[in-house]
Protein backbone atom coordinates (compact mmCIF):
# COMPACT_ATOMS: atom_id res chain seq x y z
CA MET A 1 6.14 159.03 162.77
CA ILE A 2 8.87 160.15 159.99
CA GLY A 3 9.65 156.46 159.86
CA ALA A 4 6.51 155.70 158.62
CA PHE A 5 7.31 159.05 156.23
CA LEU A 6 10.03 158.18 155.27
CA LYS A 7 8.02 154.63 154.24
CA VAL A 8 5.43 156.72 152.04
CA ILE A 9 7.86 158.47 150.53
CA VAL A 10 10.46 155.72 149.40
CA VAL A 11 6.70 153.45 147.85
CA VAL A 12 5.78 156.65 145.62
CA VAL A 13 9.46 157.20 144.03
CA ILE A 14 9.21 153.38 142.74
CA VAL A 15 5.72 153.30 141.61
CA ALA A 16 6.71 156.51 140.02
CA ALA A 17 10.02 155.19 138.44
CA ALA A 18 8.00 152.06 137.38
CA ALA A 19 5.13 154.57 135.75
CA ALA A 20 7.90 156.47 134.02
CA PHE A 21 9.60 152.67 132.33
CA PHE A 22 6.30 151.49 131.95
CA VAL A 23 5.71 154.38 129.45
CA GLY A 24 8.30 155.14 127.98
CA TYR A 25 8.69 151.29 126.99
CA ARG A 26 5.14 151.78 125.53
CA LEU A 27 6.65 155.25 123.85
CA ALA A 28 9.82 153.95 122.54
CA ASP A 29 7.80 150.33 121.36
CA GLY A 30 5.98 152.34 119.16
CA GLY A 31 2.55 151.90 121.65
CA VAL A 32 0.20 153.50 118.80
CA GLN A 33 -1.70 150.97 117.16
CA ALA A 34 -2.36 150.53 112.77
CA PRO A 35 -5.46 153.54 112.55
CA VAL A 36 -8.26 151.80 111.47
CA ALA A 37 -9.52 152.76 108.09
CA ALA A 38 -12.31 155.24 108.94
CA GLU A 39 -9.82 157.00 111.35
CA PRO A 40 -7.31 159.76 110.05
CA ALA A 41 -3.46 158.94 110.66
CA ALA A 42 -2.61 158.94 114.23
CA PRO A 43 0.37 160.72 114.07
CA ARG A 44 4.33 159.90 114.92
CA ILE A 45 5.39 159.44 118.35
CA ASP A 46 9.66 161.44 118.29
CA THR A 47 10.62 158.37 120.44
CA ASP A 48 14.26 160.08 120.78
CA LYS A 49 12.19 162.34 122.65
CA ALA A 50 10.21 160.34 124.54
CA ARG A 51 12.74 157.87 125.64
CA ALA A 52 15.14 161.71 127.08
CA ALA A 53 11.81 162.65 129.27
CA GLY A 54 12.07 158.89 130.67
CA ALA A 55 15.73 159.26 131.34
CA LYS A 56 14.93 162.81 132.80
CA ILE A 57 11.85 160.78 134.91
CA GLY A 58 14.61 157.98 136.13
CA GLU A 59 16.84 160.77 137.00
CA THR A 60 14.53 162.64 139.34
CA VAL A 61 13.37 159.82 141.26
CA ALA A 62 16.88 158.64 141.23
CA VAL A 63 17.23 161.73 143.40
CA GLY A 64 14.81 161.24 145.18
CA ALA A 65 14.74 158.00 145.72
CA ALA A 66 18.64 158.93 147.16
CA GLN A 67 16.68 161.61 149.77
CA ALA A 68 14.79 159.25 151.41
CA GLN A 69 18.05 157.00 151.87
CA ASP A 70 19.77 159.93 153.64
CA ALA A 71 16.59 160.57 156.06
CA LEU A 72 16.16 156.72 156.79
CA THR A 73 19.93 157.01 157.16
CA ASP A 74 19.93 160.03 159.34
CA GLY A 75 16.97 158.10 162.00
CA ALA A 76 18.78 154.95 161.50
CA LEU A 77 21.38 156.83 163.69
CA THR A 78 19.58 158.77 166.08
CA ALA A 79 18.58 155.52 167.35
CA LYS A 80 21.24 153.01 167.44
CA ILE A 81 22.99 156.49 170.00
CA LYS A 82 19.78 157.23 171.95
CA SER A 83 19.81 153.22 172.25
CA LYS A 84 23.40 153.21 173.08
CA MET A 85 22.66 156.25 175.54
CA ALA A 86 19.39 154.13 176.98
CA LEU A 87 21.66 150.92 178.15
CA ASP A 88 24.77 153.18 180.01
CA ASP A 89 23.72 154.51 183.58
CA THR A 90 26.03 156.76 183.17
CA VAL A 91 23.83 159.26 180.57
CA LYS A 92 20.20 160.32 181.20
CA ALA A 93 18.78 159.45 178.20
CA LEU A 94 15.32 160.87 178.16
CA SER A 95 16.96 164.76 178.41
CA ILE A 96 19.25 164.45 176.30
CA ASP A 97 18.02 165.62 172.56
CA VAL A 98 19.87 163.46 169.19
CA ASP A 99 19.39 165.21 166.03
CA THR A 100 20.93 164.01 162.76
CA ASP A 101 21.08 165.80 159.37
CA SER A 102 23.33 163.71 157.11
CA GLY A 103 25.38 161.83 160.18
CA VAL A 104 25.91 165.16 161.76
CA VAL A 105 24.51 164.36 165.25
CA THR A 106 23.82 167.49 167.36
CA LEU A 107 23.24 166.76 171.33
CA SER A 108 20.41 169.81 172.68
CA GLY A 109 19.54 169.33 177.05
CA THR A 110 20.17 168.92 180.27
CA VAL A 111 23.07 166.66 181.90
CA HIS A 112 23.84 166.54 184.93
CA SER A 113 27.15 166.82 185.37
CA GLN A 114 30.38 166.69 183.66
CA ALA A 115 31.04 162.82 183.18
CA GLU A 116 27.57 162.52 181.94
CA ARG A 117 28.02 164.59 179.16
CA ALA A 118 31.46 163.59 177.91
CA LYS A 119 29.45 159.75 178.29
CA ALA A 120 27.35 161.16 176.33
CA VAL A 121 29.40 162.71 174.01
CA GLN A 122 31.78 160.29 173.10
CA LEU A 123 28.34 157.62 172.77
CA ALA A 124 28.01 159.12 169.39
CA LYS A 125 30.87 159.37 168.31
CA GLU A 126 31.30 156.18 168.07
CA THR A 127 28.54 155.94 166.43
CA ALA A 128 29.83 153.77 163.05
CA GLY A 129 27.80 156.45 160.58
CA VAL A 130 28.70 159.73 162.47
CA THR A 131 30.75 162.41 160.83
CA SER A 132 30.84 165.07 163.32
CA VAL A 133 29.09 165.81 166.88
CA VAL A 134 28.17 169.09 167.49
CA ASP A 135 27.98 169.84 172.05
CA ARG A 136 24.89 171.03 172.94
CA LEU A 137 24.91 169.77 176.17
CA VAL A 138 24.48 172.47 178.81
CA ILE A 139 25.52 171.39 182.31
CA ARG A 140 22.78 171.68 185.77
């Protein structure tokens, strides 16, 4: 669900960037046609102002793309950790929730022993891209 939402965000960001580029290009190119004799002359467009507006839009798009990339990265880390836990015989992956935010992984849920808890934390810490692990696991 989150992955599909992030893909939509990335597509919207790319479309917005392309539109901003096209509009900036047309305005900077003097996209105003020569007036017809019967029509009054069209106002002149300030190309510097148009370029500045395009740059601002481009910066906003870049920030949005970076945020989308961070969200995708966090999702990938969560998936890697859950996969490692599912493949490990000592960890009951279904009873452990894994949340990732900017590389910080939070483990919550219940485990049956200290050994299972330690293994779950170890698997998370050993995953590339994880900066720290918050252990909120409860032993039953």
